[in-house]
Amino acid sequence: MQDKESVPRNKAYIDYRILRCTLMEQLAKSFIQELEQKQHVFQVLQNRRLTVHFHSEAEHLYLRIEDGRADVISPIECEMEIYGPKTTLTHLFQKKIKLRQLMKEQPIQIKGPFRSILLLETILYLGKN
């Protein structure tokens, strides 16, 4: 595939890298867009850093929240790791279930400092519509 800059910009051009996004990645990006519309949430995140590795049997997603920004990033070492079935993780991004509820009821493993877990839970809760 040609580099994006070398391909002429017209209506027929499709960036296939976008089409290859996993469901979890699409949900995470949608969640980030919702967060960006809620500036009060990012005010809470100023001067804070959180990196989370979400993964299921077949999918991996790395999320970084730093200095009032959230991004899906390339694989890095993360301070927090959440492992579980894909459906459970998608419900988390869709805000159908709280993180703490997942910890009690679902087959999910969360590794990381308790403060990071609380920060992520706060972000997910404040990001709700």
N, C-alpha and C. Protein backbone atom coordinates (compact mmCIF):
# COMPACT_ATOMS: atom_id res chain seq x y z
N MET A 1 0.84 -1.17 0.00
CA MET A 1 0.00 0.00 0.00
C MET A 1 0.88 1.23 0.00
N GLN A 2 0.49 2.23 -0.76
CA GLN A 2 1.26 3.45 -0.85
C GLN A 2 1.13 4.27 0.42
N ASP A 3 2.12 5.10 0.64
CA ASP A 3 2.07 6.00 1.77
C ASP A 3 0.92 6.97 1.60
N LYS A 4 0.32 7.36 2.71
CA LYS A 4 -0.86 8.23 2.70
C LYS A 4 -0.58 9.55 1.99
N GLU A 5 0.62 10.12 2.18
CA GLU A 5 0.94 11.40 1.56
C GLU A 5 1.10 11.29 0.05
N SER A 6 1.47 10.12 -0.47
CA SER A 6 1.70 9.98 -1.90
C SER A 6 0.43 9.63 -2.68
N VAL A 7 -0.66 9.35 -1.98
CA VAL A 7 -1.91 9.00 -2.63
C VAL A 7 -2.72 10.27 -2.84
N PRO A 8 -3.21 10.50 -4.05
CA PRO A 8 -3.99 11.72 -4.30
C PRO A 8 -5.26 11.73 -3.46
N ARG A 9 -5.60 12.89 -2.97
CA ARG A 9 -6.80 13.05 -2.16
C ARG A 9 -8.01 13.23 -3.08
N ASN A 10 -8.86 12.24 -3.10
CA ASN A 10 -10.12 12.36 -3.82
C ASN A 10 -11.17 11.51 -3.12
N LYS A 11 -12.37 11.55 -3.58
CA LYS A 11 -13.46 10.84 -2.91
C LYS A 11 -13.32 9.33 -2.99
N ALA A 12 -12.57 8.81 -3.96
CA ALA A 12 -12.44 7.38 -4.13
C ALA A 12 -11.38 6.77 -3.21
N TYR A 13 -10.56 7.60 -2.60
CA TYR A 13 -9.50 7.10 -1.73
C TYR A 13 -10.08 6.62 -0.41
N ILE A 14 -9.71 5.41 -0.01
CA ILE A 14 -10.14 4.84 1.27
C ILE A 14 -8.88 4.49 2.06
N ASP A 15 -8.80 4.98 3.27
CA ASP A 15 -7.66 4.63 4.13
C ASP A 15 -7.98 3.29 4.79
N TYR A 16 -7.39 2.23 4.30
CA TYR A 16 -7.68 0.89 4.80
C TYR A 16 -7.19 0.67 6.21
N ARG A 17 -6.28 1.51 6.71
CA ARG A 17 -5.84 1.38 8.09
C ARG A 17 -7.00 1.65 9.04
N ILE A 18 -7.90 2.53 8.65
CA ILE A 18 -9.07 2.82 9.48
C ILE A 18 -10.00 1.62 9.51
N LEU A 19 -10.15 0.95 8.38
CA LEU A 19 -11.05 -0.19 8.30
C LEU A 19 -10.55 -1.39 9.11
N ARG A 20 -9.23 -1.43 9.37
CA ARG A 20 -8.66 -2.54 10.11
C ARG A 20 -8.75 -2.37 11.62
N CYS A 21 -9.34 -1.29 12.10
CA CYS A 21 -9.49 -1.07 13.53
C CYS A 21 -10.34 -2.19 14.13
N THR A 22 -9.96 -2.62 15.29
CA THR A 22 -10.74 -3.63 15.99
C THR A 22 -11.96 -2.97 16.61
N LEU A 23 -12.90 -3.77 17.03
CA LEU A 23 -14.10 -3.25 17.67
C LEU A 23 -13.73 -2.50 18.95
N MET A 24 -12.82 -3.07 19.76
CA MET A 24 -12.42 -2.39 20.98
C MET A 24 -11.78 -1.04 20.68
N GLU A 25 -10.98 -0.98 19.63
CA GLU A 25 -10.32 0.27 19.26
C GLU A 25 -11.35 1.31 18.81
N GLN A 26 -12.33 0.87 18.04
CA GLN A 26 -13.38 1.79 17.60
C GLN A 26 -14.16 2.33 18.79
N LEU A 27 -14.48 1.45 19.74
CA LEU A 27 -15.22 1.88 20.93
C LEU A 27 -14.38 2.82 21.79
N ALA A 28 -13.09 2.53 21.90
CA ALA A 28 -12.20 3.39 22.69
C ALA A 28 -12.10 4.77 22.04
N LYS A 29 -11.96 4.82 20.74
CA LYS A 29 -11.87 6.11 20.04
C LYS A 29 -13.18 6.89 20.19
N SER A 30 -14.29 6.21 20.12
CA SER A 30 -15.58 6.86 20.32
C SER A 30 -15.68 7.41 21.74
N PHE A 31 -15.22 6.63 22.71
CA PHE A 31 -15.22 7.06 24.10
C PHE A 31 -14.34 8.29 24.28
N ILE A 32 -13.17 8.30 23.64
CA ILE A 32 -12.26 9.45 23.72
C ILE A 32 -12.92 10.69 23.13
N GLN A 33 -13.61 10.54 22.01
CA GLN A 33 -14.31 11.68 21.40
C GLN A 33 -15.37 12.24 22.35
N GLU A 34 -16.08 11.35 23.04
CA GLU A 34 -17.07 11.80 24.02
C GLU A 34 -16.40 12.55 25.16
N LEU A 35 -15.25 12.03 25.61
CA LEU A 35 -14.52 12.70 26.69
C LEU A 35 -14.05 14.09 26.28
N GLU A 36 -13.59 14.21 25.05
CA GLU A 36 -13.09 15.50 24.57
C GLU A 36 -14.17 16.57 24.58
N GLN A 37 -15.41 16.18 24.48
CA GLN A 37 -16.52 17.13 24.52
C GLN A 37 -16.85 17.55 25.95
N LYS A 38 -16.28 16.86 26.91
CA LYS A 38 -16.56 17.14 28.32
C LYS A 38 -15.29 17.69 28.97
N GLN A 39 -15.08 18.97 28.80
CA GLN A 39 -13.85 19.59 29.28
C GLN A 39 -13.69 19.47 30.79
N HIS A 40 -14.79 19.38 31.54
CA HIS A 40 -14.69 19.24 32.99
C HIS A 40 -13.98 17.94 33.38
N VAL A 41 -14.10 16.91 32.55
CA VAL A 41 -13.41 15.65 32.82
C VAL A 41 -11.91 15.84 32.64
N PHE A 42 -11.52 16.53 31.57
CA PHE A 42 -10.09 16.72 31.33
C PHE A 42 -9.46 17.65 32.36
N GLN A 43 -10.24 18.53 32.97
CA GLN A 43 -9.69 19.35 34.04
C GLN A 43 -9.28 18.49 35.22
N VAL A 44 -10.02 17.44 35.49
CA VAL A 44 -9.68 16.49 36.55
C VAL A 44 -8.38 15.75 36.19
N LEU A 45 -8.13 15.56 34.90
CA LEU A 45 -6.99 14.76 34.46
C LEU A 45 -5.70 15.56 34.26
N GLN A 46 -5.76 16.88 34.45
CA GLN A 46 -4.54 17.67 34.30
C GLN A 46 -3.48 17.16 35.28
N ASN A 47 -2.25 17.08 34.81
CA ASN A 47 -1.11 16.63 35.62
C ASN A 47 -1.25 15.19 36.10
N ARG A 48 -2.06 14.41 35.42
CA ARG A 48 -2.19 12.99 35.75
C ARG A 48 -1.81 12.17 34.54
N ARG A 49 -1.30 10.98 34.82
CA ARG A 49 -0.92 10.09 33.74
C ARG A 49 -1.42 8.68 34.07
N LEU A 50 -2.00 8.05 33.07
CA LEU A 50 -2.50 6.69 33.24
C LEU A 50 -2.34 5.97 31.90
N THR A 51 -1.72 4.81 31.95
CA THR A 51 -1.63 3.97 30.75
C THR A 51 -2.25 2.62 31.10
N VAL A 52 -3.13 2.17 30.21
CA VAL A 52 -3.88 0.93 30.46
C VAL A 52 -3.79 0.02 29.24
N HIS A 53 -3.52 -1.24 29.52
CA HIS A 53 -3.51 -2.27 28.48
C HIS A 53 -4.77 -3.11 28.67
N PHE A 54 -5.71 -2.97 27.74
CA PHE A 54 -6.92 -3.79 27.72
C PHE A 54 -6.65 -4.95 26.77
N HIS A 55 -6.96 -6.16 27.19
CA HIS A 55 -6.83 -7.25 26.23
C HIS A 55 -7.78 -8.40 26.53
N SER A 56 -8.21 -8.99 25.42
CA SER A 56 -9.06 -10.17 25.46
C SER A 56 -8.26 -11.31 24.84
N GLU A 57 -8.94 -12.37 24.48
CA GLU A 57 -8.26 -13.52 23.89
C GLU A 57 -7.53 -13.14 22.61
N ALA A 58 -8.10 -12.25 21.82
CA ALA A 58 -7.54 -11.96 20.50
C ALA A 58 -7.20 -10.49 20.25
N GLU A 59 -7.64 -9.59 21.11
CA GLU A 59 -7.44 -8.17 20.85
C GLU A 59 -6.65 -7.51 21.98
N HIS A 60 -5.85 -6.53 21.58
CA HIS A 60 -5.08 -5.74 22.53
C HIS A 60 -5.32 -4.26 22.23
N LEU A 61 -5.46 -3.48 23.27
CA LEU A 61 -5.66 -2.04 23.12
C LEU A 61 -4.87 -1.34 24.22
N TYR A 62 -4.13 -0.32 23.81
CA TYR A 62 -3.34 0.46 24.76
C TYR A 62 -3.90 1.87 24.78
N LEU A 63 -4.25 2.34 25.97
CA LEU A 63 -4.86 3.65 26.14
C LEU A 63 -3.97 4.48 27.06
N ARG A 64 -3.68 5.70 26.63
CA ARG A 64 -2.88 6.62 27.46
C ARG A 64 -3.71 7.87 27.74
N ILE A 65 -3.75 8.23 29.00
CA ILE A 65 -4.39 9.47 29.43
C ILE A 65 -3.28 10.26 30.11
N GLU A 66 -3.01 11.44 29.55
CA GLU A 66 -1.88 12.22 30.06
C GLU A 66 -2.11 13.70 29.77
N ASP A 67 -1.93 14.52 30.80
CA ASP A 67 -2.03 15.98 30.67
C ASP A 67 -3.30 16.43 29.95
N GLY A 68 -4.41 15.85 30.35
CA GLY A 68 -5.69 16.28 29.78
C GLY A 68 -5.99 15.77 28.40
N ARG A 69 -5.27 14.75 27.94
CA ARG A 69 -5.53 14.14 26.63
C ARG A 69 -5.65 12.63 26.78
N ALA A 70 -6.41 12.03 25.91
CA ALA A 70 -6.54 10.57 25.88
C ALA A 70 -6.30 10.11 24.46
N ASP A 71 -5.54 9.02 24.32
CA ASP A 71 -5.21 8.49 22.99
C ASP A 71 -5.10 6.98 23.02
N VAL A 72 -5.46 6.35 21.91
CA VAL A 72 -5.14 4.95 21.68
C VAL A 72 -3.72 4.97 21.12
N ILE A 73 -2.84 4.17 21.70
CA ILE A 73 -1.42 4.25 21.35
C ILE A 73 -0.88 2.88 20.94
N SER A 74 0.36 2.89 20.47
CA SER A 74 1.08 1.66 20.14
C SER A 74 1.42 0.93 21.43
N PRO A 75 1.71 -0.36 21.33
CA PRO A 75 2.03 -1.13 22.53
C PRO A 75 3.21 -0.54 23.32
N ILE A 76 2.99 -0.38 24.61
CA ILE A 76 4.02 0.07 25.54
C ILE A 76 3.81 -0.65 26.86
N GLU A 77 4.74 -0.49 27.77
CA GLU A 77 4.55 -1.02 29.11
C GLU A 77 3.56 -0.12 29.84
N CYS A 78 2.56 -0.72 30.44
CA CYS A 78 1.49 0.04 31.07
C CYS A 78 1.49 -0.19 32.58
N GLU A 79 0.99 0.79 33.30
CA GLU A 79 0.91 0.65 34.75
C GLU A 79 -0.31 -0.17 35.17
N MET A 80 -1.25 -0.34 34.25
CA MET A 80 -2.47 -1.06 34.57
C MET A 80 -2.82 -2.00 33.43
N GLU A 81 -3.36 -3.16 33.79
CA GLU A 81 -3.73 -4.16 32.79
C GLU A 81 -5.11 -4.71 33.12
N ILE A 82 -5.96 -4.77 32.10
CA ILE A 82 -7.30 -5.32 32.27
C ILE A 82 -7.47 -6.42 31.24
N TYR A 83 -7.74 -7.63 31.72
CA TYR A 83 -7.90 -8.79 30.84
C TYR A 83 -9.27 -9.41 31.09
N GLY A 84 -9.97 -9.71 29.99
CA GLY A 84 -11.26 -10.36 30.12
C GLY A 84 -11.85 -10.67 28.76
N PRO A 85 -13.02 -11.28 28.76
CA PRO A 85 -13.69 -11.58 27.48
C PRO A 85 -13.97 -10.30 26.70
N LYS A 86 -13.93 -10.41 25.40
CA LYS A 86 -14.13 -9.26 24.52
C LYS A 86 -15.47 -8.57 24.80
N THR A 87 -16.52 -9.35 25.00
CA THR A 87 -17.83 -8.74 25.25
C THR A 87 -17.83 -7.93 26.53
N THR A 88 -17.15 -8.40 27.54
CA THR A 88 -17.08 -7.68 28.81
C THR A 88 -16.35 -6.36 28.64
N LEU A 89 -15.24 -6.38 27.90
CA LEU A 89 -14.46 -5.16 27.68
C LEU A 89 -15.23 -4.17 26.81
N THR A 90 -15.98 -4.66 25.84
CA THR A 90 -16.77 -3.75 25.02
C THR A 90 -17.88 -3.11 25.85
N HIS A 91 -18.46 -3.86 26.77
CA HIS A 91 -19.48 -3.29 27.66
C HIS A 91 -18.89 -2.18 28.53
N LEU A 92 -17.64 -2.34 28.90
CA LEU A 92 -16.96 -1.32 29.70
C LEU A 92 -16.83 -0.03 28.90
N PHE A 93 -16.40 -0.11 27.65
CA PHE A 93 -16.27 1.09 26.82
C PHE A 93 -17.63 1.68 26.44
N GLN A 94 -18.64 0.83 26.35
CA GLN A 94 -19.98 1.31 26.03
C GLN A 94 -20.69 1.84 27.27
N LYS A 95 -20.03 1.76 28.40
CA LYS A 95 -20.53 2.26 29.68
C LYS A 95 -21.81 1.54 30.11
N LYS A 96 -21.92 0.27 29.75
CA LYS A 96 -23.08 -0.51 30.16
C LYS A 96 -22.89 -1.09 31.56
N ILE A 97 -21.64 -1.12 32.04
CA ILE A 97 -21.34 -1.71 33.33
C ILE A 97 -20.17 -0.95 33.95
N LYS A 98 -20.18 -0.80 35.25
CA LYS A 98 -19.11 -0.08 35.94
C LYS A 98 -17.92 -1.01 36.15
N LEU A 99 -16.76 -0.41 36.23
CA LEU A 99 -15.52 -1.18 36.42
C LEU A 99 -15.57 -2.00 37.71
N ARG A 100 -16.01 -1.40 38.78
CA ARG A 100 -16.06 -2.12 40.05
C ARG A 100 -17.06 -3.27 40.00
N GLN A 101 -18.16 -3.07 39.29
CA GLN A 101 -19.16 -4.12 39.12
C GLN A 101 -18.56 -5.28 38.33
N LEU A 102 -17.76 -4.93 37.31
CA LEU A 102 -17.08 -5.97 36.54
C LEU A 102 -16.16 -6.79 37.42
N MET A 103 -15.47 -6.12 38.31
CA MET A 103 -14.52 -6.81 39.19
C MET A 103 -15.23 -7.83 40.08
N LYS A 104 -16.46 -7.52 40.46
CA LYS A 104 -17.21 -8.42 41.35
C LYS A 104 -17.91 -9.54 40.61
N GLU A 105 -18.47 -9.23 39.42
CA GLU A 105 -19.40 -10.15 38.78
C GLU A 105 -18.86 -10.88 37.55
N GLN A 106 -17.88 -10.34 36.89
CA GLN A 106 -17.45 -10.89 35.61
C GLN A 106 -16.08 -11.56 35.72
N PRO A 107 -15.80 -12.45 34.80
CA PRO A 107 -14.47 -13.08 34.77
C PRO A 107 -13.45 -12.11 34.17
N ILE A 108 -12.98 -11.18 34.97
CA ILE A 108 -12.06 -10.16 34.49
C ILE A 108 -10.90 -10.05 35.48
N GLN A 109 -9.73 -9.79 34.98
CA GLN A 109 -8.55 -9.61 35.83
C GLN A 109 -8.05 -8.19 35.66
N ILE A 110 -7.82 -7.53 36.78
CA ILE A 110 -7.29 -6.17 36.75
C ILE A 110 -6.03 -6.14 37.60
N LYS A 111 -4.94 -5.70 36.97
CA LYS A 111 -3.67 -5.57 37.67
C LYS A 111 -3.25 -4.12 37.62
N GLY A 112 -2.84 -3.61 38.75
CA GLY A 112 -2.37 -2.24 38.79
C GLY A 112 -2.64 -1.63 40.14
N PRO A 113 -2.07 -0.46 40.37
CA PRO A 113 -2.28 0.23 41.65
C PRO A 113 -3.75 0.59 41.85
N PHE A 114 -4.18 0.52 43.10
CA PHE A 114 -5.57 0.82 43.43
C PHE A 114 -5.95 2.23 43.00
N ARG A 115 -5.04 3.18 43.15
CA ARG A 115 -5.32 4.56 42.73
C ARG A 115 -5.59 4.64 41.23
N SER A 116 -4.86 3.86 40.44
CA SER A 116 -5.07 3.85 38.99
C SER A 116 -6.42 3.26 38.65
N ILE A 117 -6.82 2.23 39.37
CA ILE A 117 -8.13 1.62 39.14
C ILE A 117 -9.23 2.64 39.46
N LEU A 118 -9.07 3.36 40.57
CA LEU A 118 -10.06 4.38 40.93
C LEU A 118 -10.10 5.51 39.91
N LEU A 119 -8.92 5.92 39.41
CA LEU A 119 -8.87 6.99 38.40
C LEU A 119 -9.58 6.55 37.13
N LEU A 120 -9.31 5.33 36.67
CA LEU A 120 -9.98 4.83 35.46
C LEU A 120 -11.48 4.74 35.67
N GLU A 121 -11.90 4.26 36.82
CA GLU A 121 -13.32 4.16 37.11
C GLU A 121 -13.97 5.55 37.10
N THR A 122 -13.27 6.54 37.63
CA THR A 122 -13.77 7.92 37.63
C THR A 122 -13.91 8.45 36.21
N ILE A 123 -12.91 8.20 35.39
CA ILE A 123 -12.94 8.66 34.00
C ILE A 123 -14.10 8.02 33.25
N LEU A 124 -14.27 6.72 33.44
CA LEU A 124 -15.37 6.02 32.77
C LEU A 124 -16.72 6.54 33.25
N TYR A 125 -16.82 6.82 34.55
CA TYR A 125 -18.09 7.30 35.09
C TYR A 125 -18.39 8.72 34.62
N LEU A 126 -17.40 9.60 34.67
CA LEU A 126 -17.61 10.98 34.25
C LEU A 126 -17.82 11.09 32.74
N GLY A 127 -17.32 10.12 32.01
CA GLY A 127 -17.48 10.13 30.56
C GLY A 127 -18.83 9.65 30.09
N LYS A 128 -19.66 9.18 31.02
CA LYS A 128 -20.99 8.71 30.64
C LYS A 128 -21.83 9.84 30.10
N ASN A 129 -22.74 9.51 29.20
CA ASN A 129 -23.70 10.52 28.69
C ASN A 129 -24.76 10.79 29.71
